[in-house]
């Protein structure tokens, strides 16, 4: 029997934290489907199709990973993928509280689907897509590569160009 799991999120953009969860899930599962969904509470930087391509590009080295778009409830998508496991990455206690509530709701919707939580490695516990959007215009490429896969930095720059800083010199 194939061990198949689904890791859902908006991935706008994919971060090193997301990639870490994907790589670790890939070691646990035979197949991992990364489900790219829409977060109606957030303004998207990348289209859903662009996010799929970014994830595909950055996960080629992980065996058994597929990337798919989905709409609607994650639990329905998991069932459509013929999976019974949802992978969730957790960075903090605040994340855990939100994920716990979602897990209880998912159990009510489909009691046959289990949720597996993977704690973020400590070096990624502060990284979020929101943070990336805030720092991209201000950070250099080497700095951004501490937060996102280097392969997507040009894509980020196209959406959020680097700010031009003037060096002000005072007269002495």
N, C-alpha and C. Protein backbone atom coordinates (compact mmCIF):
# COMPACT_ATOMS: atom_id res chain seq x y z
N UNK A 1 0.85 -1.19 0.00
CA UNK A 1 0.00 0.00 0.00
C UNK A 1 0.89 1.25 0.00
N UNK A 2 0.58 2.18 -0.86
CA UNK A 2 1.34 3.41 -0.99
C UNK A 2 1.00 4.37 0.14
N UNK A 3 2.05 4.91 0.75
CA UNK A 3 1.84 5.95 1.76
C UNK A 3 1.79 7.29 1.04
N UNK A 4 0.59 7.89 1.00
CA UNK A 4 0.38 9.15 0.29
C UNK A 4 -0.16 10.18 1.28
N UNK A 5 0.41 11.37 1.22
CA UNK A 5 -0.05 12.46 2.07
C UNK A 5 -0.21 13.72 1.23
N UNK A 6 -0.95 14.68 1.78
CA UNK A 6 -1.19 15.95 1.11
C UNK A 6 -0.76 17.07 2.05
N UNK A 7 0.01 18.00 1.52
CA UNK A 7 0.46 19.18 2.26
C UNK A 7 -0.17 20.38 1.57
N UNK A 8 -1.12 21.01 2.24
CA UNK A 8 -1.84 22.13 1.63
C UNK A 8 -1.37 23.46 2.18
N UNK A 9 -1.53 24.48 1.36
CA UNK A 9 -1.20 25.84 1.78
C UNK A 9 -1.37 26.78 0.61
N UNK A 10 -1.12 28.06 0.88
CA UNK A 10 -1.18 29.04 -0.21
C UNK A 10 0.20 29.21 -0.85
N UNK A 11 1.29 29.02 -0.10
CA UNK A 11 2.65 29.04 -0.63
C UNK A 11 2.89 30.29 -1.48
N UNK A 12 2.62 31.45 -0.91
CA UNK A 12 2.68 32.71 -1.67
C UNK A 12 3.69 33.68 -1.07
N UNK A 13 4.97 33.45 -1.28
CA UNK A 13 5.64 32.41 -2.07
C UNK A 13 6.07 31.23 -1.20
N UNK A 14 6.61 30.21 -1.84
CA UNK A 14 7.20 29.09 -1.11
C UNK A 14 8.43 29.62 -0.36
N UNK A 15 8.59 29.19 0.88
CA UNK A 15 9.72 29.60 1.69
C UNK A 15 10.61 28.40 1.99
N UNK A 16 11.75 28.66 2.59
CA UNK A 16 12.62 27.55 3.01
C UNK A 16 11.93 26.71 4.08
N UNK A 17 11.04 27.32 4.87
CA UNK A 17 10.27 26.56 5.85
C UNK A 17 9.34 25.57 5.17
N UNK A 18 8.64 26.03 4.14
CA UNK A 18 7.78 25.12 3.36
C UNK A 18 8.61 24.00 2.75
N UNK A 19 9.74 24.38 2.15
CA UNK A 19 10.59 23.40 1.49
C UNK A 19 11.10 22.36 2.50
N UNK A 20 11.43 22.81 3.70
CA UNK A 20 11.88 21.90 4.75
C UNK A 20 10.79 20.87 5.08
N UNK A 21 9.55 21.32 5.20
CA UNK A 21 8.44 20.41 5.49
C UNK A 21 8.24 19.44 4.32
N UNK A 22 8.36 19.92 3.10
CA UNK A 22 8.21 19.06 1.93
C UNK A 22 9.30 17.99 1.90
N UNK A 23 10.53 18.39 2.13
CA UNK A 23 11.64 17.44 2.13
C UNK A 23 11.47 16.39 3.23
N UNK A 24 11.10 16.81 4.41
CA UNK A 24 10.93 15.88 5.53
C UNK A 24 9.74 14.95 5.29
N UNK A 25 8.66 15.49 4.72
CA UNK A 25 7.49 14.67 4.39
C UNK A 25 7.84 13.65 3.32
N UNK A 26 8.69 14.06 2.39
CA UNK A 26 9.12 13.15 1.34
C UNK A 26 9.87 11.94 1.87
N UNK A 27 10.54 12.10 3.00
CA UNK A 27 11.23 10.97 3.63
C UNK A 27 10.25 10.05 4.36
N UNK A 28 9.11 10.60 4.76
CA UNK A 28 8.12 9.81 5.50
C UNK A 28 7.12 9.10 4.59
N UNK A 29 6.87 9.68 3.43
CA UNK A 29 5.81 9.20 2.55
C UNK A 29 6.38 8.73 1.22
N UNK A 30 5.66 7.83 0.57
CA UNK A 30 6.02 7.41 -0.78
C UNK A 30 5.64 8.49 -1.80
N UNK A 31 4.50 9.12 -1.55
CA UNK A 31 4.00 10.19 -2.42
C UNK A 31 3.53 11.35 -1.58
N UNK A 32 3.89 12.56 -2.01
CA UNK A 32 3.43 13.77 -1.34
C UNK A 32 2.83 14.68 -2.40
N UNK A 33 1.59 15.04 -2.19
CA UNK A 33 0.92 15.98 -3.08
C UNK A 33 0.89 17.33 -2.37
N UNK A 34 1.50 18.32 -3.00
CA UNK A 34 1.47 19.68 -2.46
C UNK A 34 0.27 20.35 -3.10
N UNK A 35 -0.71 20.67 -2.27
CA UNK A 35 -1.95 21.28 -2.74
C UNK A 35 -1.89 22.78 -2.59
N UNK A 36 -1.91 23.48 -3.70
CA UNK A 36 -1.84 24.94 -3.70
C UNK A 36 -3.27 25.48 -3.72
N UNK A 37 -3.64 26.11 -2.62
CA UNK A 37 -4.99 26.64 -2.49
C UNK A 37 -5.00 28.16 -2.45
N UNK A 38 -6.17 28.68 -2.34
CA UNK A 38 -6.35 30.12 -2.27
C UNK A 38 -6.72 30.50 -0.85
N UNK A 39 -6.06 31.51 -0.32
CA UNK A 39 -6.41 32.05 0.99
C UNK A 39 -7.21 33.32 0.73
N UNK A 40 -8.52 33.25 0.94
CA UNK A 40 -9.40 34.39 0.63
C UNK A 40 -9.15 35.57 1.55
N UNK A 41 -8.46 35.35 2.67
CA UNK A 41 -8.16 36.43 3.60
C UNK A 41 -6.91 37.22 3.23
N UNK A 42 -6.18 36.76 2.22
CA UNK A 42 -4.92 37.41 1.86
C UNK A 42 -4.92 37.82 0.39
N UNK A 43 -4.24 38.94 0.12
CA UNK A 43 -4.00 39.38 -1.25
C UNK A 43 -2.81 38.58 -1.78
N UNK A 44 -2.99 37.85 -2.87
CA UNK A 44 -1.93 37.02 -3.41
C UNK A 44 -0.92 37.85 -4.19
N UNK A 45 0.35 37.50 -4.01
CA UNK A 45 1.43 38.11 -4.77
C UNK A 45 1.56 37.39 -6.12
N UNK A 46 1.55 36.06 -6.08
CA UNK A 46 1.66 35.23 -7.28
C UNK A 46 0.31 34.60 -7.58
N UNK A 47 0.04 34.38 -8.86
CA UNK A 47 -1.18 33.64 -9.22
C UNK A 47 -1.00 32.20 -8.75
N UNK A 48 -2.10 31.47 -8.69
CA UNK A 48 -2.03 30.07 -8.28
C UNK A 48 -1.15 29.27 -9.24
N UNK A 49 -1.27 29.54 -10.52
CA UNK A 49 -0.46 28.83 -11.52
C UNK A 49 1.02 29.14 -11.35
N UNK A 50 1.34 30.39 -11.05
CA UNK A 50 2.75 30.76 -10.81
C UNK A 50 3.29 30.05 -9.57
N UNK A 51 2.48 29.95 -8.53
CA UNK A 51 2.92 29.28 -7.31
C UNK A 51 3.19 27.80 -7.56
N UNK A 52 2.34 27.17 -8.38
CA UNK A 52 2.57 25.77 -8.73
C UNK A 52 3.93 25.62 -9.40
N UNK A 53 4.22 26.49 -10.37
CA UNK A 53 5.50 26.41 -11.09
C UNK A 53 6.69 26.65 -10.16
N UNK A 54 6.57 27.60 -9.24
CA UNK A 54 7.66 27.86 -8.28
C UNK A 54 7.91 26.64 -7.41
N UNK A 55 6.85 26.00 -6.96
CA UNK A 55 7.00 24.82 -6.10
C UNK A 55 7.58 23.66 -6.91
N UNK A 56 7.10 23.46 -8.12
CA UNK A 56 7.64 22.39 -8.96
C UNK A 56 9.14 22.59 -9.19
N UNK A 57 9.53 23.82 -9.46
CA UNK A 57 10.93 24.13 -9.72
C UNK A 57 11.81 23.87 -8.50
N UNK A 58 11.30 24.14 -7.32
CA UNK A 58 12.12 24.03 -6.11
C UNK A 58 12.03 22.68 -5.42
N UNK A 59 11.17 21.79 -5.92
CA UNK A 59 11.03 20.47 -5.28
C UNK A 59 11.42 19.31 -6.20
N UNK A 60 12.03 19.61 -7.33
CA UNK A 60 12.41 18.55 -8.27
C UNK A 60 13.30 17.49 -7.63
N UNK A 61 14.07 17.89 -6.64
CA UNK A 61 15.02 16.97 -6.01
C UNK A 61 14.35 16.04 -4.99
N UNK A 62 13.08 16.26 -4.72
CA UNK A 62 12.37 15.44 -3.72
C UNK A 62 11.54 14.38 -4.45
N UNK A 63 11.90 13.10 -4.30
CA UNK A 63 11.16 12.05 -5.00
C UNK A 63 9.70 11.97 -4.54
N UNK A 64 8.82 11.67 -5.49
CA UNK A 64 7.42 11.42 -5.16
C UNK A 64 6.56 12.64 -4.93
N UNK A 65 7.06 13.84 -5.26
CA UNK A 65 6.28 15.07 -5.03
C UNK A 65 5.53 15.45 -6.30
N UNK A 66 4.24 15.74 -6.13
CA UNK A 66 3.40 16.29 -7.19
C UNK A 66 2.82 17.59 -6.66
N UNK A 67 2.57 18.53 -7.53
CA UNK A 67 1.98 19.80 -7.13
C UNK A 67 0.67 19.98 -7.90
N UNK A 68 -0.40 20.28 -7.16
CA UNK A 68 -1.72 20.43 -7.78
C UNK A 68 -2.44 21.63 -7.19
N UNK A 69 -3.25 22.27 -8.02
CA UNK A 69 -4.15 23.34 -7.56
C UNK A 69 -5.40 22.73 -6.95
N UNK A 70 -5.95 23.43 -5.97
CA UNK A 70 -7.26 23.00 -5.48
C UNK A 70 -8.06 24.20 -5.02
N UNK A 71 -9.36 24.03 -5.01
CA UNK A 71 -10.27 25.02 -4.46
C UNK A 71 -11.16 24.29 -3.46
N UNK A 72 -11.72 25.04 -2.58
CA UNK A 72 -12.62 24.43 -1.60
C UNK A 72 -11.89 23.93 -0.37
N UNK A 73 -12.53 23.02 0.32
CA UNK A 73 -11.99 22.51 1.57
C UNK A 73 -10.81 21.57 1.34
N UNK A 74 -9.78 21.75 2.15
CA UNK A 74 -8.60 20.89 2.06
C UNK A 74 -8.96 19.43 2.26
N UNK A 75 -9.85 19.15 3.18
CA UNK A 75 -10.23 17.77 3.47
C UNK A 75 -10.87 17.10 2.25
N UNK A 76 -11.62 17.86 1.46
CA UNK A 76 -12.19 17.32 0.22
C UNK A 76 -11.09 17.03 -0.80
N UNK A 77 -10.12 17.94 -0.87
CA UNK A 77 -9.00 17.75 -1.79
C UNK A 77 -8.20 16.50 -1.42
N UNK A 78 -7.97 16.30 -0.14
CA UNK A 78 -7.24 15.12 0.33
C UNK A 78 -7.96 13.85 -0.12
N UNK A 79 -9.26 13.83 0.04
CA UNK A 79 -10.06 12.67 -0.37
C UNK A 79 -9.97 12.47 -1.89
N UNK A 80 -10.05 13.57 -2.66
CA UNK A 80 -9.93 13.48 -4.13
C UNK A 80 -8.58 12.91 -4.55
N UNK A 81 -7.55 13.15 -3.75
CA UNK A 81 -6.20 12.65 -4.04
C UNK A 81 -6.02 11.20 -3.58
N UNK A 82 -7.09 10.61 -3.06
CA UNK A 82 -7.03 9.24 -2.55
C UNK A 82 -5.98 9.11 -1.45
N UNK A 83 -5.95 10.11 -0.59
CA UNK A 83 -5.02 10.12 0.55
C UNK A 83 -5.83 10.14 1.84
N UNK A 84 -5.15 9.84 2.92
CA UNK A 84 -5.81 9.86 4.24
C UNK A 84 -5.02 10.65 5.26
N UNK A 85 -3.96 11.34 4.79
CA UNK A 85 -3.10 12.08 5.70
C UNK A 85 -2.91 13.50 5.19
N UNK A 86 -3.10 14.46 6.08
CA UNK A 86 -2.78 15.86 5.81
C UNK A 86 -1.52 16.18 6.60
N UNK A 87 -0.54 16.76 5.93
CA UNK A 87 0.68 17.23 6.59
C UNK A 87 0.50 18.72 6.87
N UNK A 88 0.85 19.12 8.07
CA UNK A 88 0.81 20.54 8.42
C UNK A 88 2.14 20.92 9.07
N UNK A 89 2.71 22.01 8.63
CA UNK A 89 3.92 22.55 9.24
C UNK A 89 3.51 23.53 10.33
N UNK A 90 4.18 23.45 11.47
CA UNK A 90 3.84 24.31 12.60
C UNK A 90 5.11 25.05 13.04
N UNK A 91 5.01 26.39 13.12
CA UNK A 91 6.16 27.20 13.50
C UNK A 91 6.15 27.59 14.97
N UNK A 92 4.95 27.82 15.52
CA UNK A 92 4.87 28.38 16.87
C UNK A 92 3.63 27.86 17.58
N UNK A 93 3.51 28.23 18.85
CA UNK A 93 2.31 27.85 19.60
C UNK A 93 1.06 28.50 19.02
N UNK A 94 1.21 29.69 18.48
CA UNK A 94 0.07 30.36 17.83
C UNK A 94 -0.40 29.53 16.63
N UNK A 95 0.56 29.07 15.82
CA UNK A 95 0.20 28.18 14.69
C UNK A 95 -0.52 26.94 15.21
N UNK A 96 0.00 26.38 16.29
CA UNK A 96 -0.56 25.13 16.82
C UNK A 96 -2.02 25.31 17.23
N UNK A 97 -2.32 26.43 17.84
CA UNK A 97 -3.70 26.69 18.25
C UNK A 97 -4.64 26.74 17.05
N UNK A 98 -4.21 27.45 16.00
CA UNK A 98 -5.03 27.54 14.79
C UNK A 98 -5.15 26.17 14.10
N UNK A 99 -4.04 25.45 14.04
CA UNK A 99 -4.05 24.14 13.39
C UNK A 99 -4.89 23.13 14.17
N UNK A 100 -4.86 23.22 15.48
CA UNK A 100 -5.66 22.33 16.32
C UNK A 100 -7.15 22.50 16.02
N UNK A 101 -7.58 23.75 15.92
CA UNK A 101 -8.99 24.05 15.60
C UNK A 101 -9.35 23.49 14.23
N UNK A 102 -8.45 23.68 13.25
CA UNK A 102 -8.72 23.19 11.89
C UNK A 102 -8.75 21.66 11.88
N UNK A 103 -7.88 21.02 12.64
CA UNK A 103 -7.86 19.55 12.71
C UNK A 103 -9.17 19.01 13.26
N UNK A 104 -9.69 19.65 14.29
CA UNK A 104 -10.97 19.20 14.86
C UNK A 104 -12.10 19.35 13.85
N UNK A 105 -12.08 20.46 13.11
CA UNK A 105 -13.11 20.66 12.08
C UNK A 105 -12.97 19.60 10.97
N UNK A 106 -11.73 19.33 10.56
CA UNK A 106 -11.51 18.32 9.52
C UNK A 106 -11.97 16.94 9.96
N UNK A 107 -11.78 16.62 11.24
CA UNK A 107 -12.25 15.32 11.75
C UNK A 107 -13.76 15.21 11.68
N UNK A 108 -14.45 16.32 11.93
CA UNK A 108 -15.92 16.32 11.82
C UNK A 108 -16.34 16.12 10.36
N UNK A 109 -15.59 16.73 9.43
CA UNK A 109 -15.92 16.63 8.01
C UNK A 109 -15.57 15.26 7.43
N UNK A 110 -14.46 14.67 7.90
CA UNK A 110 -14.05 13.36 7.40
C UNK A 110 -13.18 12.68 8.46
N UNK A 111 -13.79 11.85 9.29
CA UNK A 111 -13.05 11.22 10.39
C UNK A 111 -11.99 10.21 9.94
N UNK A 112 -11.95 9.87 8.66
CA UNK A 112 -10.95 8.92 8.15
C UNK A 112 -9.63 9.60 7.78
N UNK A 113 -9.61 10.92 7.79
CA UNK A 113 -8.39 11.65 7.43
C UNK A 113 -7.69 12.11 8.71
N UNK A 114 -6.39 11.77 8.79
CA UNK A 114 -5.58 12.14 9.94
C UNK A 114 -4.67 13.31 9.58
N UNK A 115 -4.34 14.11 10.57
CA UNK A 115 -3.42 15.23 10.40
C UNK A 115 -2.12 14.91 11.12
N UNK A 116 -1.01 15.11 10.42
CA UNK A 116 0.32 14.92 10.99
C UNK A 116 1.00 16.28 11.02
N UNK A 117 1.48 16.68 12.19
CA UNK A 117 2.15 17.96 12.36
C UNK A 117 3.66 17.77 12.34
N UNK A 118 4.33 18.60 11.56
CA UNK A 118 5.79 18.63 11.56
C UNK A 118 6.21 19.99 12.09
N UNK A 119 6.96 19.97 13.17
CA UNK A 119 7.46 21.22 13.75
C UNK A 119 8.53 21.80 12.83
N UNK A 120 8.49 23.10 12.66
CA UNK A 120 9.50 23.76 11.83
C UNK A 120 10.86 23.62 12.50
N UNK A 121 11.89 23.43 11.69
CA UNK A 121 13.24 23.50 12.23
C UNK A 121 13.41 24.90 12.80
N UNK A 122 14.18 25.03 13.87
CA UNK A 122 14.28 26.32 14.57
C UNK A 122 14.76 27.45 13.66
N UNK A 123 15.57 27.14 12.66
CA UNK A 123 16.06 28.19 11.77
C UNK A 123 14.95 28.76 10.87
N UNK A 124 13.81 28.06 10.79
CA UNK A 124 12.71 28.52 9.94
C UNK A 124 11.47 28.92 10.73
N UNK A 125 11.52 28.87 12.04
CA UNK A 125 10.32 29.09 12.85
C UNK A 125 9.77 30.51 12.74
N UNK A 126 10.58 31.45 12.30
CA UNK A 126 10.12 32.84 12.16
C UNK A 126 9.75 33.20 10.72
N UNK A 127 9.99 32.30 9.79
CA UNK A 127 9.80 32.61 8.37
C UNK A 127 8.35 32.42 7.97
N UNK A 128 7.80 33.44 7.34
CA UNK A 128 6.44 33.36 6.81
C UNK A 128 6.41 34.05 5.45
N UNK A 129 5.43 33.73 4.66
CA UNK A 129 5.27 34.39 3.36
C UNK A 129 5.05 35.88 3.54
N UNK A 130 4.35 36.27 4.59
CA UNK A 130 4.12 37.69 4.87
C UNK A 130 5.45 38.40 5.12
N UNK A 131 6.33 37.79 5.91
CA UNK A 131 7.64 38.37 6.17
C UNK A 131 8.41 38.53 4.87
N UNK A 132 8.36 37.54 4.01
CA UNK A 132 9.08 37.60 2.74
C UNK A 132 8.61 38.80 1.91
N UNK A 133 7.32 39.01 1.87
CA UNK A 133 6.78 40.13 1.10
C UNK A 133 7.24 41.47 1.69
N UNK A 134 7.41 41.53 2.99
CA UNK A 134 7.86 42.76 3.65
C UNK A 134 9.34 43.04 3.41
N UNK A 135 10.18 42.01 3.45
CA UNK A 135 11.62 42.26 3.37
C UNK A 135 12.19 42.25 1.96
N UNK A 136 11.48 41.65 1.00
CA UNK A 136 12.03 41.53 -0.35
C UNK A 136 12.49 42.86 -0.95
N UNK A 137 11.70 43.93 -0.87
CA UNK A 137 12.17 45.19 -1.47
C UNK A 137 13.41 45.78 -0.76
N UNK A 138 13.65 45.37 0.46
CA UNK A 138 14.72 45.97 1.25
C UNK A 138 15.97 45.11 1.35
N UNK A 139 15.85 43.82 1.13
CA UNK A 139 16.97 42.89 1.33
C UNK A 139 17.71 42.61 0.03
N UNK A 140 18.99 42.29 0.17
CA UNK A 140 19.77 41.85 -0.97
C UNK A 140 19.47 40.38 -1.26
N UNK A 141 19.92 39.90 -2.40
CA UNK A 141 19.67 38.52 -2.79
C UNK A 141 20.26 37.51 -1.80
N UNK A 142 21.45 37.78 -1.30
CA UNK A 142 22.06 36.87 -0.33
C UNK A 142 21.25 36.81 0.96
N UNK A 143 20.70 37.93 1.35
CA UNK A 143 19.85 37.95 2.55
C UNK A 143 18.55 37.19 2.30
N UNK A 144 17.94 37.40 1.14
CA UNK A 144 16.69 36.69 0.82
C UNK A 144 16.89 35.19 0.76
N UNK A 145 18.06 34.76 0.32
CA UNK A 145 18.35 33.32 0.20
C UNK A 145 18.39 32.63 1.56
N UNK A 146 18.34 33.37 2.63
CA UNK A 146 18.24 32.79 3.98
C UNK A 146 16.79 32.43 4.31
N UNK A 147 15.85 32.88 3.48
CA UNK A 147 14.43 32.71 3.75
C UNK A 147 13.67 31.95 2.66
N UNK A 148 14.12 32.10 1.41
CA UNK A 148 13.43 31.47 0.28
C UNK A 148 14.44 30.71 -0.58
N UNK A 149 13.97 29.72 -1.33
CA UNK A 149 14.89 29.05 -2.26
C UNK A 149 15.48 30.08 -3.24
N UNK A 150 16.78 30.02 -3.45
CA UNK A 150 17.46 30.98 -4.33
C UNK A 150 16.84 31.02 -5.72
N UNK A 151 16.33 29.89 -6.18
CA UNK A 151 15.76 29.80 -7.53
C UNK A 151 14.55 30.71 -7.73
N UNK A 152 13.87 31.11 -6.65
CA UNK A 152 12.68 31.96 -6.84
C UNK A 152 12.96 33.44 -6.61
N UNK A 153 14.18 33.79 -6.24
CA UNK A 153 14.49 35.21 -5.99
C UNK A 153 14.22 36.08 -7.22
N UNK A 154 14.60 35.67 -8.43
CA UNK A 154 14.25 36.50 -9.59
C UNK A 154 12.74 36.71 -9.75
N UNK A 155 11.96 35.69 -9.43
CA UNK A 155 10.50 35.81 -9.51
C UNK A 155 9.99 36.82 -8.48
N UNK A 156 10.56 36.76 -7.27
CA UNK A 156 10.19 37.74 -6.24
C UNK A 156 10.56 39.15 -6.66
N UNK A 157 11.76 39.30 -7.24
CA UNK A 157 12.21 40.62 -7.69
C UNK A 157 11.29 41.18 -8.78
N UNK A 158 10.78 40.32 -9.62
CA UNK A 158 9.87 40.78 -10.68
C UNK A 158 8.57 41.32 -10.09
N UNK A 159 8.13 40.72 -8.98
CA UNK A 159 6.88 41.16 -8.34
C UNK A 159 7.11 42.30 -7.35
N UNK A 160 8.24 42.24 -6.65
CA UNK A 160 8.56 43.23 -5.61
C UNK A 160 9.98 43.73 -5.84
N UNK A 161 10.16 44.68 -6.73
CA UNK A 161 11.52 45.14 -7.04
C UNK A 161 12.24 45.66 -5.80
N UNK A 162 13.54 45.53 -5.84
CA UNK A 162 14.36 46.01 -4.73
C UNK A 162 14.28 47.53 -4.68
N UNK A 163 14.12 48.06 -3.48
CA UNK A 163 14.05 49.51 -3.30
C UNK A 163 15.41 50.12 -3.58
N UNK A 164 15.40 51.28 -4.19
CA UNK A 164 16.64 52.02 -4.43
C UNK A 164 16.86 52.93 -3.24
N UNK A 165 17.96 52.70 -2.56
CA UNK A 165 18.28 53.50 -1.38
C UNK A 165 19.26 54.59 -1.75
N UNK A 166 18.94 55.80 -1.35
CA UNK A 166 19.88 56.90 -1.56
C UNK A 166 20.79 56.97 -0.35
N UNK A 167 22.05 57.16 -0.62
CA UNK A 167 22.99 57.37 0.47
C UNK A 167 23.10 58.87 0.66
N UNK A 168 22.69 59.30 1.80
CA UNK A 168 22.73 60.74 2.07
C UNK A 168 24.03 61.07 2.77
N UNK A 169 24.66 62.05 2.25
CA UNK A 169 25.92 62.48 2.84
C UNK A 169 25.68 63.86 3.43
N UNK A 170 26.17 64.01 4.61
CA UNK A 170 26.04 65.34 5.25
C UNK A 170 27.30 66.12 5.01
N UNK A 171 27.13 67.42 4.87
CA UNK A 171 28.28 68.29 4.68
C UNK A 171 28.94 68.52 6.02
N UNK A 172 30.26 68.43 6.04
CA UNK A 172 30.98 68.68 7.29
C UNK A 172 31.59 70.03 7.30
